[in-house]
Protein backbone atom coordinates (compact mmCIF):
# COMPACT_ATOMS: atom_id res chain seq x y z
CA MET A 1 51.52 157.69 138.84
CA ARG A 2 50.03 160.93 139.57
CA ARG A 3 53.58 162.35 139.63
CA LEU A 4 54.54 161.09 136.49
CA ASP A 5 51.09 161.83 134.95
CA GLY A 6 51.56 165.51 135.06
CA LEU A 7 55.36 165.12 134.35
CA LEU A 8 55.62 163.36 131.62
CA HIS A 9 52.55 165.05 129.87
CA GLY A 10 53.98 165.60 126.42
CA ASP A 11 57.19 163.02 126.60
CA TYR A 12 54.52 160.14 126.22
CA ARG A 13 55.09 159.62 122.42
CA THR A 14 59.19 160.06 122.92
CA LEU A 15 59.53 157.48 125.32
CA PHE A 16 57.10 154.88 123.69
CA ARG A 17 56.40 154.84 119.72
CA GLY A 18 54.48 152.45 117.80
CA PHE A 19 55.95 149.93 115.16
CA GLY A 20 53.63 149.83 112.61
CA LEU A 21 53.79 152.75 109.87
CA ASP A 22 51.47 153.29 106.67
CA LEU A 23 52.65 155.78 104.46
CA ALA A 24 49.99 158.99 104.56
CA ASP A 25 51.82 161.82 102.37
CA LEU A 26 55.06 163.25 101.42
CA ARG A 27 56.40 166.98 101.87
CA GLU A 28 59.45 168.95 101.20
CA TYR A 29 62.17 168.04 103.74
CA GLU A 30 62.55 169.92 106.94
CA TYR A 31 65.41 170.62 109.30
CA HIS A 32 65.01 167.83 111.87
CA ASP A 33 63.58 165.40 109.75
CA ASP A 34 64.88 161.52 109.78
CA VAL A 35 67.14 161.72 106.22
CA ARG A 36 65.93 157.66 106.31
CA HIS A 37 62.58 158.87 105.37
CA ILE A 38 63.86 160.51 102.16
CA ASP A 39 61.61 159.41 98.89
CA TRP A 40 64.91 159.47 96.40
CA ASN A 41 62.36 159.11 93.45
CA VAL A 42 60.58 161.88 94.16
CA THR A 43 63.41 164.17 95.32
CA ALA A 44 64.91 163.26 91.74
CA ARG A 45 62.22 164.35 89.50
CA LEU A 46 61.32 167.71 91.66
CA GLN A 47 64.75 168.36 91.97
CA THR A 48 64.14 168.99 95.75
CA PRO A 49 64.26 166.99 98.71
CA TYR A 50 60.86 165.34 99.76
CA VAL A 51 60.11 162.75 102.67
CA ARG A 52 57.81 160.07 103.50
CA VAL A 53 55.09 160.98 106.27
CA TYR A 54 53.78 158.37 108.10
CA ASN A 55 50.57 157.39 110.25
CA GLU A 56 51.99 155.91 113.14
CA GLU A 57 50.24 152.52 114.74
CA ARG A 58 50.47 153.60 119.01
CA GLU A 59 49.58 150.14 120.10
CA ILE A 60 52.28 148.84 121.38
CA ALA A 61 53.02 145.07 122.89
CA ALA A 62 55.60 145.59 126.00
CA TRP A 63 57.38 142.69 127.98
CA PHE A 64 59.28 142.76 131.24
CA LEU A 65 62.55 140.09 131.52
CA LEU A 66 62.44 139.67 135.13
CA ASP A 67 65.48 138.94 136.80
CA LEU A 68 64.09 137.17 140.02
CA SER A 69 67.66 135.60 141.16
CA PRO A 70 68.91 135.44 144.88
CA SER A 71 71.29 138.54 144.05
CA VAL A 72 68.12 140.83 143.73
CA ASP A 73 67.26 140.19 147.32
CA PHE A 74 69.68 142.51 148.59
CA GLY A 75 70.08 146.17 149.76
CA SER A 76 72.25 148.30 152.01
CA THR A 77 68.86 150.57 153.12
CA GLU A 78 65.13 149.83 153.92
CA THR A 79 64.86 149.26 150.06
CA MET A 80 66.09 145.89 148.55
CA LYS A 81 66.61 145.77 144.68
CA CYS A 82 63.63 143.53 143.84
CA ALA A 83 61.47 146.23 145.59
CA VAL A 84 62.99 148.46 143.26
CA SER A 85 62.60 146.12 140.06
CA ALA A 86 58.68 145.50 141.71
CA GLU A 87 57.72 149.24 141.87
CA PHE A 88 59.74 150.17 138.51
CA VAL A 89 57.61 147.14 136.56
CA THR A 90 54.02 148.36 138.28
CA VAL A 91 54.87 151.99 137.24
CA LEU A 92 56.03 151.37 133.94
CA ALA A 93 52.67 148.33 133.22
CA ARG A 94 50.22 150.84 134.56
CA ILE A 95 51.27 153.65 132.24
CA LEU A 96 51.66 151.37 129.00
CA THR A 97 48.39 149.87 129.63
CA ARG A 98 46.44 153.04 130.73
CA HIS A 99 46.93 154.19 127.12
CA GLY A 100 45.80 150.56 125.54
CA ASN A 101 48.41 148.65 125.41
CA ARG A 102 49.32 145.04 126.32
CA VAL A 103 52.10 143.96 128.55
CA GLY A 104 53.95 140.59 129.02
CA ALA A 105 56.61 139.35 131.14
CA LEU A 106 59.13 136.42 131.42
CA LEU A 107 60.14 135.48 134.98
CA TYR A 108 63.47 133.87 135.95
CA SER A 109 65.00 132.83 138.70
CA ASP A 110 67.78 130.01 138.00
CA SER A 111 65.85 129.45 134.55
CA VAL A 112 62.46 130.93 132.69
CA ASP A 113 59.60 129.20 135.12
CA THR A 114 57.28 131.69 134.30
CA VAL A 115 55.93 133.31 131.14
CA ILE A 116 52.66 135.95 131.32
CA PRO A 117 50.92 136.50 128.00
CA ALA A 118 50.80 140.20 126.86
CA ARG A 119 47.52 141.26 127.79
CA SER A 120 46.11 144.96 128.92
CA GLY A 121 44.55 146.15 131.60
CA ARG A 122 44.62 147.20 135.63
CA ARG A 123 43.85 143.57 136.84
CA HIS A 124 46.10 142.20 134.25
CA VAL A 125 48.80 144.31 136.09
CA LEU A 126 48.10 143.19 139.48
CA HIS A 127 48.03 139.58 138.70
CA LEU A 128 51.74 140.38 136.87
CA LEU A 129 52.95 141.72 140.12
CA HIS A 130 51.25 139.08 142.42
CA ARG A 131 52.94 136.36 140.46
CA MET A 132 56.11 138.51 140.72
CA LEU A 133 55.99 139.14 144.60
CA SER A 134 54.61 135.94 145.70
CA ARG A 135 57.56 133.83 144.46
CA PRO A 136 59.10 131.34 147.65
CA GLU A 137 61.94 132.53 148.98
CA ARG A 138 65.31 130.68 147.65
CA SER A 139 68.25 130.15 149.92
CA ARG A 140 70.79 129.30 147.08
CA SER A 141 70.65 128.61 143.16
CA ALA A 142 72.75 127.82 140.46
CA ALA A 143 74.59 130.94 139.25
CA THR A 144 72.51 133.50 137.54
CA ASN A 145 72.57 133.23 133.42
CA LEU A 146 71.13 136.12 131.94
CA ARG A 147 71.91 134.25 128.54
CA ASP A 148 68.79 131.82 129.19
CA LEU A 149 66.34 134.75 129.91
CA VAL A 150 67.42 136.67 126.72
CA GLN A 151 67.18 133.38 124.54
CA THR A 152 63.47 132.26 125.97
CA ALA A 153 62.84 135.68 125.03
CA LEU A 154 63.82 135.22 121.59
CA GLN A 155 61.77 132.19 121.32
CA ILE A 156 58.68 133.38 122.90
CA VAL A 157 58.21 137.37 121.70
CA LYS A 158 57.72 137.29 117.94
CA ARG A 159 56.27 140.79 117.23
CA ARG A 160 58.30 143.45 117.15
CA SER A 161 58.30 145.29 120.92
CA LEU A 162 59.02 147.21 123.45
CA VAL A 163 61.37 145.18 126.10
CA PHE A 164 62.30 145.92 129.47
CA VAL A 165 65.50 143.35 130.87
CA VAL A 166 65.20 144.33 134.45
CA SER A 167 68.27 142.70 136.05
CA ASP A 168 71.32 143.62 138.33
CA PHE A 169 73.11 141.68 135.48
CA ILE A 170 75.21 139.88 138.23
CA SER A 171 75.17 136.83 135.68
CA THR A 172 78.36 134.98 133.88
CA PRO A 173 79.38 135.75 130.82
CA GLY A 174 77.70 135.28 127.49
CA TRP A 175 74.34 137.74 127.21
CA THR A 176 75.87 140.79 125.40
CA GLU A 177 75.59 138.61 122.09
CA PRO A 178 71.88 137.27 122.42
CA LEU A 179 71.20 140.56 123.52
CA ALA A 180 72.24 142.72 120.73
CA ARG A 181 70.06 140.10 118.53
CA LEU A 182 67.32 140.95 120.51
CA ALA A 183 67.81 144.66 120.40
CA ARG A 184 67.61 144.04 116.22
CA ARG A 185 64.35 142.96 116.87
CA HIS A 186 62.65 144.85 119.07
CA GLU A 187 63.59 148.14 121.04
CA VAL A 188 65.08 146.84 124.32
CA VAL A 189 65.85 148.99 127.33
CA ALA A 190 68.26 147.41 130.19
CA VAL A 191 67.00 148.41 133.59
CA ARG A 192 69.82 147.99 135.77
CA LEU A 193 69.49 147.64 139.61
CA TYR A 194 72.46 148.15 142.15
CA ASP A 195 73.31 148.93 145.36
CA PRO A 196 75.95 151.83 146.63
CA LEU A 197 76.99 148.79 148.68
CA GLU A 198 78.28 146.84 145.56
CA ARG A 199 79.92 149.85 144.17
CA GLU A 200 82.42 151.13 147.52
CA LEU A 201 82.71 149.41 150.63
CA PRO A 202 82.44 151.04 154.06
CA ASP A 203 84.93 150.29 156.85
CA LEU A 204 82.71 147.86 159.01
CA GLY A 205 85.21 146.23 161.02
CA LEU A 206 85.77 141.97 160.41
CA LEU A 207 82.23 140.65 158.35
CA THR A 208 81.08 137.23 157.19
CA ILE A 209 79.58 138.16 153.64
CA GLN A 210 77.77 135.42 151.79
CA ASP A 211 77.22 135.11 148.24
CA ALA A 212 73.25 135.47 147.63
CA GLU A 213 73.33 132.82 144.92
CA THR A 214 75.76 129.91 145.61
CA GLY A 215 75.65 130.51 149.45
CA GLU A 216 79.56 130.58 149.85
CA GLN A 217 81.05 132.45 153.16
CA LEU A 218 84.40 134.71 153.00
CA PHE A 219 85.49 136.62 156.44
CA VAL A 220 86.72 139.68 155.38
CA ASP A 221 88.27 142.48 157.17
CA THR A 222 86.80 146.00 155.83
CA HIS A 223 88.88 147.85 158.14
CA ASP A 224 92.07 147.03 155.73
CA ARG A 225 92.17 150.09 153.84
CA GLY A 226 93.97 147.93 150.89
CA PHE A 227 90.93 145.51 150.67
CA ARG A 228 88.38 147.89 150.52
CA LYS A 229 90.41 149.74 147.64
CA ARG A 230 90.88 146.77 146.01
CA PHE A 231 86.69 145.86 145.97
CA THR A 232 86.28 149.74 144.76
CA ALA A 233 88.49 148.58 141.90
CA ALA A 234 86.91 145.34 141.11
CA ALA A 235 83.27 146.93 141.08
CA GLU A 236 84.93 149.71 138.86
CA ARG A 237 85.93 147.16 136.38
CA ARG A 238 82.52 145.64 136.32
CA GLU A 239 81.00 149.26 135.58
CA LEU A 240 83.07 149.52 132.47
CA GLU A 241 82.47 145.95 131.46
CA LEU A 242 78.76 146.23 131.78
CA ARG A 243 78.80 149.38 130.29
CA SER A 244 80.88 148.15 126.73
CA SER A 245 78.57 145.34 126.94
CA PHE A 246 75.63 147.55 127.20
CA ARG A 247 77.54 149.59 123.96
CA GLU A 248 77.94 146.52 122.45
CA ALA A 249 74.47 145.50 122.36
CA GLY A 250 73.36 148.92 120.81
CA ILE A 251 70.76 149.58 123.33
CA ASP A 252 69.56 151.97 126.01
CA THR A 253 69.93 151.67 129.82
CA LEU A 254 68.23 153.06 132.80
CA GLU A 255 70.28 152.20 136.44
CA LEU A 256 68.00 152.37 139.09
CA SER A 257 69.38 152.78 143.10
CA THR A 258 67.98 151.21 145.90
CA ASN A 259 68.09 154.82 147.09
CA ASP A 260 67.33 156.67 143.84
CA ASP A 261 63.85 158.51 143.34
CA LEU A 262 61.83 156.31 140.83
CA VAL A 263 60.04 159.21 139.44
CA ASP A 264 63.01 161.27 138.97
CA ALA A 265 64.80 158.36 137.34
CA ILE A 266 62.18 157.68 134.67
CA LEU A 267 61.90 161.35 134.19
CA ARG A 268 65.97 161.33 133.49
CA PHE A 269 65.57 158.44 131.27
CA ALA A 270 62.76 160.22 129.25
CA ASP A 271 64.96 163.21 129.32
CA LEU A 272 67.63 160.96 127.41
CA ARG A 273 65.42 159.46 124.89
CA LYS A 274 63.97 162.91 124.05
CA ARG A 275 67.59 164.32 123.07
CA ARG A 276 68.68 161.04 120.99
CA ALA A 277 65.26 161.01 119.18
CA ARG A 278 65.83 164.68 118.19
CA LEU A 279 69.40 164.00 117.47
CA THR A 280 68.36 160.59 115.08
CA ALA A 281 65.88 163.09 113.38
CA GLY A 282 68.44 166.04 112.94
CA GLY A 283 71.03 164.02 110.48
CA ASN A 284 72.62 166.22 107.73
CA LEU A 285 71.15 166.57 104.42
CA PRO A 286 73.26 164.93 101.97
CA GLN A 287 75.53 167.74 100.60
CA HIS A 288 74.64 167.07 97.13
CA LEU A 289 71.36 167.87 98.34
CA VAL A 290 72.28 171.32 100.18
CA PRO A 291 70.79 174.58 98.00
CA ALA A 292 73.59 176.61 96.85
CA PRO A 293 74.03 179.61 98.70
């Protein structure tokens, strides 16, 4: 938190924006203004492009949609994906609540079994973290279906909010369309958890591997170079499908590895959103409004 307080100084507004807007004034169009804020009636009367200036409501309601299914309890190093998830939620929730915002959460294992209403304050963040970390262990469960988690969020989160979907996205298909609908109503960020071992399998000899959710076991020979190549090819196909799904849903993505530095990852994400905001605001002025040379 201390590192981010210094490093994110000035970027908080870029990362998290309020959603309520009150018209405050009109002024002439300037380079990098958002063309969507042009007041066409005033522009037509004065023959000069004018934009609306808004006072932005700073209060944000943020929701964490947390995938806590058994596949998240995995890590090839000392850190597991579930620990990365808990650390991310703790840091982001404290950043938000320290600025007076409210945070809530939906907890999913094989169904959405816990809804934590959006509130502010340090005690609330500690309560959220305790509910997240004190869940009973599951040896097996039904396959993860993120569609259920997103559909529940569509029903529960009514007011426009900032929504973080924190998951490894190892799920049955069908979650892209409801996620796109959620993104049309809210500002959605996919926080994708992964472990390097899920992308490339090293030569470890004969192994018994087990599906974390169904309990199904397979005996494999990782010394077989052909098997490792097929594993890597399947992982790459899954990566392409995931990125395509995120693009189709129209949402930003923050990828967090079990061997990542969380602060560096959040700063990379802040930089991405800052550059995207500049591109959005810097749309070209319509051709008929460009002054003659």
